[in-house]
Amino acid sequence: MTRVDAWTWSVRLFKTRSAAASACRGGHVKINGATAKPAQYVVPGDEVRVWAGGRERIVEVARLVTKRVGAPAAAECYVDRSPPPPPKELFAAVPVRDRGAGRPTKRDRREIDRLRGQN
């Protein structure tokens, strides 16, 4: 058995173990549908859902590892069942102001708010 924070860090779902533990404490990691604490154990066959980087990753534990491994070895430790990321065309481009143009005027501010849908 391996702790969920150590396993998610070992298979490179998080960059650091402390980030994995913080995500667990924040409720961003679920094991078989239940919110996981950092010290909760995972076993092969468990479904782990991780919300990180603006998207949800759904992985099934295939093999347990306790130490951080290389990317090719990490890919063998889980079965990725995540939906594909949304296309970049869906995200609106952030309006860019010319450098040195100063602060937006009241009119510019209204246009920016209208673009963002904040009316």
PDB file of N, CA and C in Angstrom:
ATOM      1  N   MET A   1       0.840  -1.182   0.000  1.00  0.00           N
ATOM      2  CA  MET A   1       0.000   0.000   0.000  1.00  0.00           C
ATOM      3  C   MET A   1       0.882   1.241   0.000  1.00  0.00           C
ATOM      4  N   THR A   2       0.398   2.279  -0.673  1.00  0.00           N
ATOM      5  CA  THR A   2       1.133   3.534  -0.801  1.00  0.00           C
ATOM      6  C   THR A   2       0.191   4.691  -0.527  1.00  0.00           C
ATOM      7  N   ARG A   3       0.718   5.717   0.098  1.00  0.00           N
ATOM      8  CA  ARG A   3      -0.086   6.917   0.363  1.00  0.00           C
ATOM      9  C   ARG A   3      -0.443   7.595  -0.953  1.00  0.00           C
ATOM     10  N   VAL A   4      -1.622   8.190  -1.004  1.00  0.00           N
ATOM     11  CA  VAL A   4      -2.081   8.802  -2.248  1.00  0.00           C
ATOM     12  C   VAL A   4      -1.230  10.014  -2.617  1.00  0.00           C
ATOM     13  N   ASP A   5      -0.766  10.791  -1.635  1.00  0.00           N
ATOM     14  CA  ASP A   5       0.052  11.946  -1.983  1.00  0.00           C
ATOM     15  C   ASP A   5       1.397  11.504  -2.562  1.00  0.00           C
ATOM     16  N   ALA A   6       1.967  10.465  -1.998  1.00  0.00           N
ATOM     17  CA  ALA A   6       3.242   9.959  -2.503  1.00  0.00           C
ATOM     18  C   ALA A   6       3.071   9.321  -3.887  1.00  0.00           C
ATOM     19  N   TRP A   7       1.969   8.607  -4.094  1.00  0.00           N
ATOM     20  CA  TRP A   7       1.757   7.948  -5.374  1.00  0.00           C
ATOM     21  C   TRP A   7       1.519   8.962  -6.493  1.00  0.00           C
ATOM     22  N   THR A   8       0.661   9.974  -6.244  1.00  0.00           N
ATOM     23  CA  THR A   8       0.394  10.964  -7.294  1.00  0.00           C
ATOM     24  C   THR A   8       1.651  11.755  -7.641  1.00  0.00           C
ATOM     25  N   TRP A   9       2.515  11.988  -6.659  1.00  0.00           N
ATOM     26  CA  TRP A   9       3.792  12.653  -6.929  1.00  0.00           C
ATOM     27  C   TRP A   9       4.731  11.707  -7.678  1.00  0.00           C
ATOM     28  N   SER A  10       4.762  10.442  -7.279  1.00  0.00           N
ATOM     29  CA  SER A  10       5.670   9.473  -7.899  1.00  0.00           C
ATOM     30  C   SER A  10       5.370   9.256  -9.379  1.00  0.00           C
ATOM     31  N   VAL A  11       4.095   9.269  -9.745  1.00  0.00           N
ATOM     32  CA  VAL A  11       3.735   9.042 -11.149  1.00  0.00           C
ATOM     33  C   VAL A  11       3.590  10.354 -11.919  1.00  0.00           C
ATOM     34  N   ARG A  12       4.083  11.438 -11.336  1.00  0.00           N
ATOM     35  CA  ARG A  12       4.204  12.738 -11.987  1.00  0.00           C
ATOM     36  C   ARG A  12       2.882  13.412 -12.307  1.00  0.00           C
ATOM     37  N   LEU A  13       1.864  13.215 -11.463  1.00  0.00           N
ATOM     38  CA  LEU A  13       0.634  13.997 -11.600  1.00  0.00           C
ATOM     39  C   LEU A  13       0.810  15.363 -10.944  1.00  0.00           C
ATOM     40  N   PHE A  14       1.759  15.461  -9.991  1.00  0.00           N
ATOM     41  CA  PHE A  14       2.109  16.722  -9.339  1.00  0.00           C
ATOM     42  C   PHE A  14       3.618  16.891  -9.394  1.00  0.00           C
ATOM     43  N   LYS A  15       4.068  18.144  -9.398  1.00  0.00           N
ATOM     44  CA  LYS A  15       5.507  18.415  -9.476  1.00  0.00           C
ATOM     45  C   LYS A  15       6.221  18.143  -8.161  1.00  0.00           C
ATOM     46  N   THR A  16       5.548  18.406  -7.035  1.00  0.00           N
ATOM     47  CA  THR A  16       6.173  18.181  -5.730  1.00  0.00           C
ATOM     48  C   THR A  16       5.225  17.387  -4.847  1.00  0.00           C
ATOM     49  N   ARG A  17       5.794  16.730  -3.850  1.00  0.00           N
ATOM     50  CA  ARG A  17       4.958  15.958  -2.939  1.00  0.00           C
ATOM     51  C   ARG A  17       4.121  16.889  -2.071  1.00  0.00           C
ATOM     52  N   SER A  18       4.682  18.049  -1.718  1.00  0.00           N
ATOM     53  CA  SER A  18       3.901  18.989  -0.915  1.00  0.00           C
ATOM     54  C   SER A  18       2.721  19.535  -1.720  1.00  0.00           C
ATOM     55  N   ALA A  19       2.882  19.699  -3.027  1.00  0.00           N
ATOM     56  CA  ALA A  19       1.759  20.128  -3.865  1.00  0.00           C
ATOM     57  C   ALA A  19       0.687  19.042  -3.910  1.00  0.00           C
ATOM     58  N   ALA A  20       1.112  17.789  -3.943  1.00  0.00           N
ATOM     59  CA  ALA A  20       0.157  16.680  -3.933  1.00  0.00           C
ATOM     60  C   ALA A  20      -0.603  16.632  -2.608  1.00  0.00           C
ATOM     61  N   ALA A  21       0.108  16.834  -1.504  1.00  0.00           N
ATOM     62  CA  ALA A  21      -0.534  16.823  -0.192  1.00  0.00           C
ATOM     63  C   ALA A  21      -1.485  18.004  -0.056  1.00  0.00           C
ATOM     64  N   SER A  22      -1.098  19.170  -0.561  1.00  0.00           N
ATOM     65  CA  SER A  22      -1.970  20.349  -0.496  1.00  0.00           C
ATOM     66  C   SER A  22      -3.235  20.127  -1.318  1.00  0.00           C
ATOM     67  N   ALA A  23      -3.103  19.497  -2.477  1.00  0.00           N
ATOM     68  CA  ALA A  23      -4.267  19.208  -3.304  1.00  0.00           C
ATOM     69  C   ALA A  23      -5.210  18.244  -2.592  1.00  0.00           C
ATOM     70  N   CYS A  24      -4.655  17.271  -1.883  1.00  0.00           N
ATOM     71  CA  CYS A  24      -5.481  16.338  -1.120  1.00  0.00           C
ATOM     72  C   CYS A  24      -6.232  17.080  -0.010  1.00  0.00           C
ATOM     73  N   ARG A  25      -5.503  17.916   0.719  1.00  0.00           N
ATOM     74  CA  ARG A  25      -6.148  18.674   1.806  1.00  0.00           C
ATOM     75  C   ARG A  25      -7.199  19.635   1.270  1.00  0.00           C
ATOM     76  N   GLY A  26      -7.006  20.139   0.055  1.00  0.00           N
ATOM     77  CA  GLY A  26      -7.962  21.066  -0.539  1.00  0.00           C
ATOM     78  C   GLY A  26      -9.149  20.393  -1.192  1.00  0.00           C
ATOM     79  N   GLY A  27      -9.180  19.071  -1.212  1.00  0.00           N
ATOM     80  CA  GLY A  27     -10.310  18.350  -1.789  1.00  0.00           C
ATOM     81  C   GLY A  27     -10.216  18.165  -3.293  1.00  0.00           C
ATOM     82  N   HIS A  28      -9.021  18.308  -3.872  1.00  0.00           N
ATOM     83  CA  HIS A  28      -8.848  18.179  -5.310  1.00  0.00           C
ATOM     84  C   HIS A  28      -8.463  16.770  -5.736  1.00  0.00           C
ATOM     85  N   VAL A  29      -8.356  15.844  -4.792  1.00  0.00           N
ATOM     86  CA  VAL A  29      -8.020  14.460  -5.105  1.00  0.00           C
ATOM     87  C   VAL A  29      -9.110  13.563  -4.533  1.00  0.00           C
ATOM     88  N   LYS A  30      -9.629  12.675  -5.367  1.00  0.00           N
ATOM     89  CA  LYS A  30     -10.665  11.735  -4.921  1.00  0.00           C
ATOM     90  C   LYS A  30     -10.248  10.319  -5.277  1.00  0.00           C
ATOM     91  N   ILE A  31     -10.525   9.399  -4.361  1.00  0.00           N
ATOM     92  CA  ILE A  31     -10.266   7.983  -4.602  1.00  0.00           C
ATOM     93  C   ILE A  31     -11.610   7.275  -4.607  1.00  0.00           C
ATOM     94  N   ASN A  32     -11.931   6.648  -5.725  1.00  0.00           N
ATOM     95  CA  ASN A  32     -13.211   5.938  -5.889  1.00  0.00           C
ATOM     96  C   ASN A  32     -14.397   6.816  -5.517  1.00  0.00           C
ATOM     97  N   GLY A  33     -14.324   8.103  -5.865  1.00  0.00           N
ATOM     98  CA  GLY A  33     -15.434   9.024  -5.650  1.00  0.00           C
ATOM     99  C   GLY A  33     -15.443   9.729  -4.313  1.00  0.00           C
ATOM    100  N   ALA A  34     -14.600   9.331  -3.375  1.00  0.00           N
ATOM    101  CA  ALA A  34     -14.569   9.960  -2.048  1.00  0.00           C
ATOM    102  C   ALA A  34     -13.332  10.851  -1.936  1.00  0.00           C
ATOM    103  N   THR A  35     -13.501  12.000  -1.309  1.00  0.00           N
ATOM    104  CA  THR A  35     -12.380  12.917  -1.116  1.00  0.00           C
ATOM    105  C   THR A  35     -11.300  12.232  -0.294  1.00  0.00           C
ATOM    106  N   ALA A  36     -10.052  12.385  -0.743  1.00  0.00           N
ATOM    107  CA  ALA A  36      -8.938  11.674  -0.116  1.00  0.00           C
ATOM    108  C   ALA A  36      -8.114  12.606   0.753  1.00  0.00           C
ATOM    109  N   LYS A  37      -7.664  12.082   1.884  1.00  0.00           N
ATOM    110  CA  LYS A  37      -6.692  12.781   2.717  1.00  0.00           C
ATOM    111  C   LYS A  37      -5.305  12.357   2.237  1.00  0.00           C
ATOM    112  N   PRO A  38      -4.266  13.158   2.521  1.00  0.00           N
ATOM    113  CA  PRO A  38      -2.938  12.816   2.011  1.00  0.00           C
ATOM    114  C   PRO A  38      -2.435  11.441   2.447  1.00  0.00           C
ATOM    115  N   ALA A  39      -2.792  10.992   3.637  1.00  0.00           N
ATOM    116  CA  ALA A  39      -2.269   9.722   4.151  1.00  0.00           C
ATOM    117  C   ALA A  39      -3.117   8.518   3.765  1.00  0.00           C
ATOM    118  N   GLN A  40      -4.162   8.711   2.978  1.00  0.00           N
ATOM    119  CA  GLN A  40      -5.015   7.595   2.580  1.00  0.00           C
ATOM    120  C   GLN A  40      -4.252   6.708   1.596  1.00  0.00           C
ATOM    121  N   TYR A  41      -4.437   5.418   1.724  1.00  0.00           N
ATOM    122  CA  TYR A  41      -3.714   4.460   0.894  1.00  0.00           C
ATOM    123  C   TYR A  41      -4.460   4.178  -0.404  1.00  0.00           C
ATOM    124  N   VAL A  42      -3.679   3.899  -1.456  1.00  0.00           N
ATOM    125  CA  VAL A  42      -4.238   3.449  -2.725  1.00  0.00           C
ATOM    126  C   VAL A  42      -3.749   2.033  -2.987  1.00  0.00           C
ATOM    127  N   VAL A  43      -4.573   1.273  -3.682  1.00  0.00           N
ATOM    128  CA  VAL A  43      -4.219  -0.091  -4.064  1.00  0.00           C
ATOM    129  C   VAL A  43      -4.501  -0.228  -5.564  1.00  0.00           C
ATOM    130  N   PRO A  44      -3.872  -1.177  -6.225  1.00  0.00           N
ATOM    131  CA  PRO A  44      -4.160  -1.363  -7.656  1.00  0.00           C
ATOM    132  C   PRO A  44      -5.645  -1.585  -7.899  1.00  0.00           C
ATOM    133  N   GLY A  45      -6.169  -0.904  -8.913  1.00  0.00           N
ATOM    134  CA  GLY A  45      -7.588  -0.983  -9.236  1.00  0.00           C
ATOM    135  C   GLY A  45      -8.371   0.227  -8.782  1.00  0.00           C
ATOM    136  N   ASP A  46      -7.811   1.051  -7.896  1.00  0.00           N
ATOM    137  CA  ASP A  46      -8.489   2.260  -7.436  1.00  0.00           C
ATOM    138  C   ASP A  46      -8.547   3.289  -8.559  1.00  0.00           C
ATOM    139  N   GLU A  47      -9.643   4.056  -8.579  1.00  0.00           N
ATOM    140  CA  GLU A  47      -9.766   5.168  -9.516  1.00  0.00           C
ATOM    141  C   GLU A  47      -9.407   6.449  -8.761  1.00  0.00           C
ATOM    142  N   VAL A  48      -8.438   7.185  -9.275  1.00  0.00           N
ATOM    143  CA  VAL A  48      -7.991   8.426  -8.644  1.00  0.00           C
ATOM    144  C   VAL A  48      -8.337   9.571  -9.581  1.00  0.00           C
ATOM    145  N   ARG A  49      -9.086  10.552  -9.052  1.00  0.00           N
ATOM    146  CA  ARG A  49      -9.437  11.745  -9.821  1.00  0.00           C
ATOM    147  C   ARG A  49      -8.666  12.923  -9.238  1.00  0.00           C
ATOM    148  N   VAL A  50      -7.929  13.605 -10.096  1.00  0.00           N
ATOM    149  CA  VAL A  50      -7.093  14.720  -9.670  1.00  0.00           C
ATOM    150  C   VAL A  50      -7.483  15.952 -10.461  1.00  0.00           C
ATOM    151  N   TRP A  51      -7.772  17.047  -9.755  1.00  0.00           N
ATOM    152  CA  TRP A  51      -8.045  18.308 -10.420  1.00  0.00           C
ATOM    153  C   TRP A  51      -6.797  19.162 -10.277  1.00  0.00           C
ATOM    154  N   ALA A  52      -6.055  19.328 -11.372  1.00  0.00           N
ATOM    155  CA  ALA A  52      -4.817  20.108 -11.347  1.00  0.00           C
ATOM    156  C   ALA A  52      -4.562  20.683 -12.730  1.00  0.00           C
ATOM    157  N   GLY A  53      -3.979  21.839 -12.761  1.00  0.00           N
ATOM    158  CA  GLY A  53      -3.639  22.449 -14.036  1.00  0.00           C
ATOM    159  C   GLY A  53      -4.840  22.856 -14.853  1.00  0.00           C
ATOM    160  N   GLY A  54      -5.973  23.111 -14.194  1.00  0.00           N
ATOM    161  CA  GLY A  54      -7.167  23.552 -14.909  1.00  0.00           C
ATOM    162  C   GLY A  54      -7.955  22.450 -15.578  1.00  0.00           C
ATOM    163  N   ARG A  55      -7.611  21.200 -15.323  1.00  0.00           N
ATOM    164  CA  ARG A  55      -8.384  20.099 -15.898  1.00  0.00           C
ATOM    165  C   ARG A  55      -8.397  18.916 -14.938  1.00  0.00           C
ATOM    166  N   GLU A  56      -9.344  18.028 -15.156  1.00  0.00           N
ATOM    167  CA  GLU A  56      -9.472  16.839 -14.307  1.00  0.00           C
ATOM    168  C   GLU A  56      -8.760  15.669 -14.981  1.00  0.00           C
ATOM    169  N   ARG A  57      -7.933  14.992 -14.205  1.00  0.00           N
ATOM    170  CA  ARG A  57      -7.266  13.773 -14.678  1.00  0.00           C
ATOM    171  C   ARG A  57      -7.914  12.602 -13.953  1.00  0.00           C
ATOM    172  N   ILE A  58      -8.326  11.596 -14.712  1.00  0.00           N
ATOM    173  CA  ILE A  58      -8.924  10.384 -14.150  1.00  0.00           C
ATOM    174  C   ILE A  58      -7.975   9.242 -14.494  1.00  0.00           C
ATOM    175  N   VAL A  59      -7.397   8.625 -13.460  1.00  0.00           N
ATOM    176  CA  VAL A  59      -6.453   7.536 -13.678  1.00  0.00           C
ATOM    177  C   VAL A  59      -6.830   6.353 -12.804  1.00  0.00           C
ATOM    178  N   GLU A  60      -6.508   5.169 -13.305  1.00  0.00           N
ATOM    179  CA  GLU A  60      -6.705   3.950 -12.532  1.00  0.00           C
ATOM    180  C   GLU A  60      -5.324   3.438 -12.137  1.00  0.00           C
ATOM    181  N   VAL A  61      -5.184   3.095 -10.860  1.00  0.00           N
ATOM    182  CA  VAL A  61      -3.897   2.627 -10.354  1.00  0.00           C
ATOM    183  C   VAL A  61      -3.631   1.238 -10.917  1.00  0.00           C
ATOM    184  N   ALA A  62      -2.513   1.106 -11.630  1.00  0.00           N
ATOM    185  CA  ALA A  62      -2.130  -0.188 -12.193  1.00  0.00           C
ATOM    186  C   ALA A  62      -1.015  -0.833 -11.383  1.00  0.00           C
ATOM    187  N   ARG A  63      -0.092  -0.003 -10.886  1.00  0.00           N
ATOM    188  CA  ARG A  63       1.051  -0.508 -10.128  1.00  0.00           C
ATOM    189  C   ARG A  63       1.423   0.516  -9.074  1.00  0.00           C
ATOM    190  N   LEU A  64       1.872   0.066  -7.928  1.00  0.00           N
ATOM    191  CA  LEU A  64       2.262   0.967  -6.846  1.00  0.00           C
ATOM    192  C   LEU A  64       3.745   1.286  -6.936  1.00  0.00           C
ATOM    193  N   VAL A  65       4.073   2.557  -6.720  1.00  0.00           N
ATOM    194  CA  VAL A  65       5.464   2.990  -6.621  1.00  0.00           C
ATOM    195  C   VAL A  65       5.545   3.941  -5.436  1.00  0.00           C
ATOM    196  N   THR A  66       6.668   3.904  -4.748  1.00  0.00           N
ATOM    197  CA  THR A  66       6.829   4.781  -3.589  1.00  0.00           C
ATOM    198  C   THR A  66       7.834   5.884  -3.852  1.00  0.00           C
ATOM    199  N   LYS A  67       8.742   5.656  -4.798  1.00  0.00           N
ATOM    200  CA  LYS A  67       9.744   6.664  -5.149  1.00  0.00           C
ATOM    201  C   LYS A  67       9.401   7.250  -6.509  1.00  0.00           C
ATOM    202  N   ARG A  68       9.812   8.488  -6.732  1.00  0.00           N
ATOM    203  CA  ARG A  68       9.558   9.139  -8.019  1.00  0.00           C
ATOM    204  C   ARG A  68      10.343   8.422  -9.112  1.00  0.00           C
ATOM    205  N   VAL A  69       9.648   8.132 -10.211  1.00  0.00           N
ATOM    206  CA  VAL A  69      10.259   7.392 -11.307  1.00  0.00           C
ATOM    207  C   VAL A  69      10.243   8.250 -12.568  1.00  0.00           C
ATOM    208  N   GLY A  70      10.968   7.827 -13.568  1.00  0.00           N
ATOM    209  CA  GLY A  70      11.005   8.538 -14.836  1.00  0.00           C
ATOM    210  C   GLY A  70       9.659   8.507 -15.543  1.00  0.00           C
ATOM    211  N   ALA A  71       9.484   9.393 -16.505  1.00  0.00           N
ATOM    212  CA  ALA A  71       8.206   9.513 -17.200  1.00  0.00           C
ATOM    213  C   ALA A  71       7.765   8.225 -17.895  1.00  0.00           C
ATOM    214  N   PRO A  72       8.652   7.500 -18.594  1.00  0.00           N
ATOM    215  CA  PRO A  72       8.195   6.252 -19.226  1.00  0.00           C
ATOM    216  C   PRO A  72       7.743   5.211 -18.196  1.00  0.00           C
ATOM    217  N   ALA A  73       8.464   5.111 -17.079  1.00  0.00           N
ATOM    218  CA  ALA A  73       8.076   4.153 -16.039  1.00  0.00           C
ATOM    219  C   ALA A  73       6.795   4.605 -15.342  1.00  0.00           C
ATOM    220  N   ALA A  74       6.615   5.921 -15.176  1.00  0.00           N
ATOM    221  CA  ALA A  74       5.414   6.444 -14.520  1.00  0.00           C
ATOM    222  C   ALA A  74       4.169   6.148 -15.347  1.00  0.00           C
ATOM    223  N   ALA A  75       4.298   6.214 -16.666  1.00  0.00           N
ATOM    224  CA  ALA A  75       3.152   5.963 -17.539  1.00  0.00           C
ATOM    225  C   ALA A  75       2.658   4.524 -17.432  1.00  0.00           C
ATOM    226  N   GLU A  76       3.529   3.610 -17.013  1.00  0.00           N
ATOM    227  CA  GLU A  76       3.123   2.214 -16.854  1.00  0.00           C
ATOM    228  C   GLU A  76       2.420   1.957 -15.526  1.00  0.00           C
ATOM    229  N   CYS A  77       2.450   2.909 -14.620  1.00  0.00           N
ATOM    230  CA  CYS A  77       1.881   2.721 -13.278  1.00  0.00           C
ATOM    231  C   CYS A  77       0.409   3.063 -13.199  1.00  0.00           C
ATOM    232  N   TYR A  78      -0.151   3.643 -14.262  1.00  0.00           N
ATOM    233  CA  TYR A  78      -1.567   3.981 -14.243  1.00  0.00           C
ATOM    234  C   TYR A  78      -2.160   3.857 -15.637  1.00  0.00           C
ATOM    235  N   VAL A  79      -3.493   3.734 -15.665  1.00  0.00           N
ATOM    236  CA  VAL A  79      -4.237   3.717 -16.916  1.00  0.00           C
ATOM    237  C   VAL A  79      -4.996   5.029 -16.976  1.00  0.00           C
ATOM    238  N   ASP A  80      -4.688   5.849 -17.964  1.00  0.00           N
ATOM    239  CA  ASP A  80      -5.281   7.186 -18.068  1.00  0.00           C
ATOM    240  C   ASP A  80      -6.650   7.094 -18.723  1.00  0.00           C
ATOM    241  N   ARG A  81      -7.677   7.493 -17.995  1.00  0.00           N
ATOM    242  CA  ARG A  81      -9.049   7.496 -18.505  1.00  0.00           C
ATOM    243  C   ARG A  81      -9.600   8.919 -18.573  1.00  0.00           C
ATOM    244  N   SER A  82      -8.706   9.900 -18.633  1.00  0.00           N
ATOM    245  CA  SER A  82      -9.098  11.307 -18.652  1.00  0.00           C
ATOM    246  C   SER A  82      -9.737  11.670 -19.983  1.00  0.00           C
ATOM    247  N   PRO A  83     -10.725  12.576 -19.943  1.00  0.00           N
ATOM    248  CA  PRO A  83     -11.257  13.078 -21.214  1.00  0.00           C
ATOM    249  C   PRO A  83     -10.202  13.955 -21.877  1.00  0.00           C
ATOM    250  N   PRO A  84     -10.246  14.073 -23.198  1.00  0.00           N
ATOM    251  CA  PRO A  84      -9.248  14.909 -23.867  1.00  0.00           C
ATOM    252  C   PRO A  84      -9.409  16.371 -23.446  1.00  0.00           C
ATOM    253  N   PRO A  85      -8.308  17.114 -23.407  1.00  0.00           N
ATOM    254  CA  PRO A  85      -8.417  18.525 -23.021  1.00  0.00           C
ATOM    255  C   PRO A  85      -9.219  19.300 -24.056  1.00  0.00           C
ATOM    256  N   PRO A  86      -9.917  20.358 -23.630  1.00  0.00           N
ATOM    257  CA  PRO A  86     -10.705  21.128 -24.594  1.00  0.00           C
ATOM    258  C   PRO A  86      -9.794  21.827 -25.600  1.00  0.00           C
ATOM    259  N   PRO A  87     -10.284  22.023 -26.818  1.00  0.00           N
ATOM    260  CA  PRO A  87      -9.446  22.699 -27.817  1.00  0.00           C
ATOM    261  C   PRO A  87      -9.164  24.141 -27.411  1.00  0.00           C
ATOM    262  N   LYS A  88      -8.004  24.635 -27.817  1.00  0.00           N
ATOM    263  CA  LYS A  88      -7.593  25.984 -27.435  1.00  0.00           C
ATOM    264  C   LYS A  88      -8.468  27.047 -28.077  1.00  0.00           C
ATOM    265  N   GLU A  89      -9.175  26.724 -29.149  1.00  0.00           N
ATOM    266  CA  GLU A  89     -10.040  27.699 -29.803  1.00  0.00           C
ATOM    267  C   GLU A  89     -11.221  28.090 -28.927  1.00  0.00           C
ATOM    268  N   LEU A  90     -11.589  27.232 -27.963  1.00  0.00           N
ATOM    269  CA  LEU A  90     -12.709  27.531 -27.083  1.00  0.00           C
ATOM    270  C   LEU A  90     -12.407  28.690 -26.137  1.00  0.00           C
ATOM    271  N   PHE A  91     -11.148  28.860 -25.798  1.00  0.00           N
ATOM    272  CA  PHE A  91     -10.781  29.910 -24.865  1.00  0.00           C
ATOM    273  C   PHE A  91     -10.608  31.224 -25.620  1.00  0.00           C
ATOM    274  N   ALA A  92     -11.244  32.270 -25.105  1.00  0.00           N
ATOM    275  CA  ALA A  92     -11.131  33.580 -25.741  1.00  0.00           C
ATOM    276  C   ALA A  92      -9.734  34.140 -25.515  1.00  0.00           C
ATOM    277  N   ALA A  93      -9.219  34.765 -26.527  1.00  0.00           N
ATOM    278  CA  ALA A  93      -7.898  35.374 -26.406  1.00  0.00           C
ATOM    279  C   ALA A  93      -7.987  36.597 -25.503  1.00  0.00           C
ATOM    280  N   VAL A  94      -6.982  36.771 -24.680  1.00  0.00           N
ATOM    281  CA  VAL A  94      -6.942  37.916 -23.784  1.00  0.00           C
ATOM    282  C   VAL A  94      -6.567  39.142 -24.609  1.00  0.00           C
ATOM    283  N   PRO A  95      -7.358  40.213 -24.499  1.00  0.00           N
ATOM    284  CA  PRO A  95      -7.010  41.402 -25.266  1.00  0.00           C
ATOM    285  C   PRO A  95      -5.660  41.953 -24.812  1.00  0.00           C
ATOM    286  N   VAL A  96      -4.841  42.325 -25.778  1.00  0.00           N
ATOM    287  CA  VAL A  96      -3.498  42.814 -25.485  1.00  0.00           C
ATOM    288  C   VAL A  96      -3.436  44.303 -25.803  1.00  0.00           C
ATOM    289  N   ARG A  97      -2.956  45.070 -24.834  1.00  0.00           N
ATOM    290  CA  ARG A  97      -2.778  46.508 -25.049  1.00  0.00           C
ATOM    291  C   ARG A  97      -1.339  46.763 -25.467  1.00  0.00           C
ATOM    292  N   ASP A  98      -1.171  47.767 -26.284  1.00  0.00           N
ATOM    293  CA  ASP A  98       0.177  48.145 -26.710  1.00  0.00           C
ATOM    294  C   ASP A  98       0.981  48.588 -25.503  1.00  0.00           C
ATOM    295  N   ARG A  99       2.253  48.223 -25.521  1.00  0.00           N
ATOM    296  CA  ARG A  99       3.135  48.609 -24.428  1.00  0.00           C
ATOM    297  C   ARG A  99       3.284  50.129 -24.430  1.00  0.00           C
ATOM    298  N   GLY A 100       3.137  50.719 -23.254  1.00  0.00           N
ATOM    299  CA  GLY A 100       3.266  52.169 -23.117  1.00  0.00           C
ATOM    300  C   GLY A 100       1.981  52.913 -23.404  1.00  0.00           C
ATOM    301  N   ALA A 101       0.875  52.192 -23.618  1.00  0.00           N
ATOM    302  CA  ALA A 101      -0.398  52.855 -23.925  1.00  0.00           C
ATOM    303  C   ALA A 101      -1.051  53.427 -22.671  1.00  0.00           C
ATOM    304  N   GLY A 102      -0.498  53.140 -21.507  1.00  0.00           N
ATOM    305  CA  GLY A 102      -1.074  53.669 -20.274  1.00  0.00           C
ATOM    306  C   GLY A 102      -2.240  52.851 -19.786  1.00  0.00           C
ATOM    307  N   ARG A 103      -2.905  53.400 -18.784  1.00  0.00           N
ATOM    308  CA  ARG A 103      -4.059  52.701 -18.218  1.00  0.00           C
ATOM    309  C   ARG A 103      -5.237  52.781 -19.167  1.00  0.00           C
ATOM    310  N   PRO A 104      -6.141  51.785 -19.104  1.00  0.00           N
ATOM    311  CA  PRO A 104      -7.319  51.848 -19.977  1.00  0.00           C
ATOM    312  C   PRO A 104      -8.223  53.014 -19.576  1.00  0.00           C
ATOM    313  N   THR A 105      -8.819  53.637 -20.575  1.00  0.00           N
ATOM    314  CA  THR A 105      -9.781  54.693 -20.301  1.00  0.00           C
ATOM    315  C   THR A 105     -11.087  54.058 -19.853  1.00  0.00           C
ATOM    316  N   LYS A 106     -12.018  54.894 -19.440  1.00  0.00           N
ATOM    317  CA  LYS A 106     -13.319  54.375 -19.005  1.00  0.00           C
ATOM    318  C   LYS A 106     -14.003  53.635 -20.161  1.00  0.00           C
ATOM    319  N   ARG A 107     -13.858  54.154 -21.355  1.00  0.00           N
ATOM    320  CA  ARG A 107     -14.442  53.512 -22.532  1.00  0.00           C
ATOM    321  C   ARG A 107     -13.775  52.158 -22.795  1.00  0.00           C
ATOM    322  N   ASP A 108     -12.434  52.113 -22.705  1.00  0.00           N
ATOM    323  CA  ASP A 108     -11.712  50.853 -22.878  1.00  0.00           C
ATOM    324  C   ASP A 108     -12.148  49.834 -21.835  1.00  0.00           C
ATOM    325  N   ARG A 109     -12.301  50.300 -20.595  1.00  0.00           N
ATOM    326  CA  ARG A 109     -12.698  49.415 -19.493  1.00  0.00           C
ATOM    327  C   ARG A 109     -14.057  48.790 -19.767  1.00  0.00           C
ATOM    328  N   ARG A 110     -14.996  49.584 -20.281  1.00  0.00           N
ATOM    329  CA  ARG A 110     -16.334  49.053 -20.607  1.00  0.00           C
ATOM    330  C   ARG A 110     -16.243  48.007 -21.713  1.00  0.00           C
ATOM    331  N   GLU A 111     -15.398  48.250 -22.719  1.00  0.00           N
ATOM    332  CA  GLU A 111     -15.237  47.277 -23.803  1.00  0.00           C
ATOM    333  C   GLU A 111     -14.616  45.980 -23.291  1.00  0.00           C
ATOM    334  N   ILE A 112     -13.641  46.096 -22.410  1.00  0.00           N
ATOM    335  CA  ILE A 112     -13.013  44.909 -21.834  1.00  0.00           C
ATOM    336  C   ILE A 112     -14.031  44.115 -21.029  1.00  0.00           C
ATOM    337  N   ASP A 113     -14.829  44.814 -20.213  1.00  0.00           N
ATOM    338  CA  ASP A 113     -15.861  44.138 -19.418  1.00  0.00           C
ATOM    339  C   ASP A 113     -16.897  43.476 -20.325  1.00  0.00           C
ATOM    340  N   ARG A 114     -17.251  44.129 -21.423  1.00  0.00           N
ATOM    341  CA  ARG A 114     -18.209  43.544 -22.352  1.00  0.00           C
ATOM    342  C   ARG A 114     -17.641  42.272 -22.983  1.00  0.00           C
ATOM    343  N   LEU A 115     -16.361  42.280 -23.330  1.00  0.00           N
ATOM    344  CA  LEU A 115     -15.731  41.094 -23.895  1.00  0.00           C
ATOM    345  C   LEU A 115     -15.718  39.943 -22.904  1.00  0.00           C
ATOM    346  N   ARG A 116     -15.478  40.248 -21.650  1.00  0.00           N
ATOM    347  CA  ARG A 116     -15.438  39.219 -20.617  1.00  0.00           C
ATOM    348  C   ARG A 116     -16.824  38.768 -20.183  1.00  0.00           C
ATOM    349  N   GLY A 117     -17.863  39.480 -20.617  1.00  0.00           N
ATOM    350  CA  GLY A 117     -19.229  39.117 -20.245  1.00  0.00           C
ATOM    351  C   GLY A 117     -19.595  39.563 -18.845  1.00  0.00           C
ATOM    352  N   GLN A 118     -18.940  40.609 -18.356  1.00  0.00           N
ATOM    353  CA  GLN A 118     -19.188  41.075 -16.982  1.00  0.00           C
ATOM    354  C   GLN A 118     -20.147  42.256 -16.940  1.00  0.00           C
ATOM    355  N   ASN A 119     -20.529  42.805 -18.046  1.00  0.00           N
ATOM    356  CA  ASN A 119     -21.431  43.973 -18.137  1.00  0.00           C
ATOM    357  C   ASN A 119     -21.428  44.756 -16.892  1.00  0.00           C
TER     358      ASN A 119
END
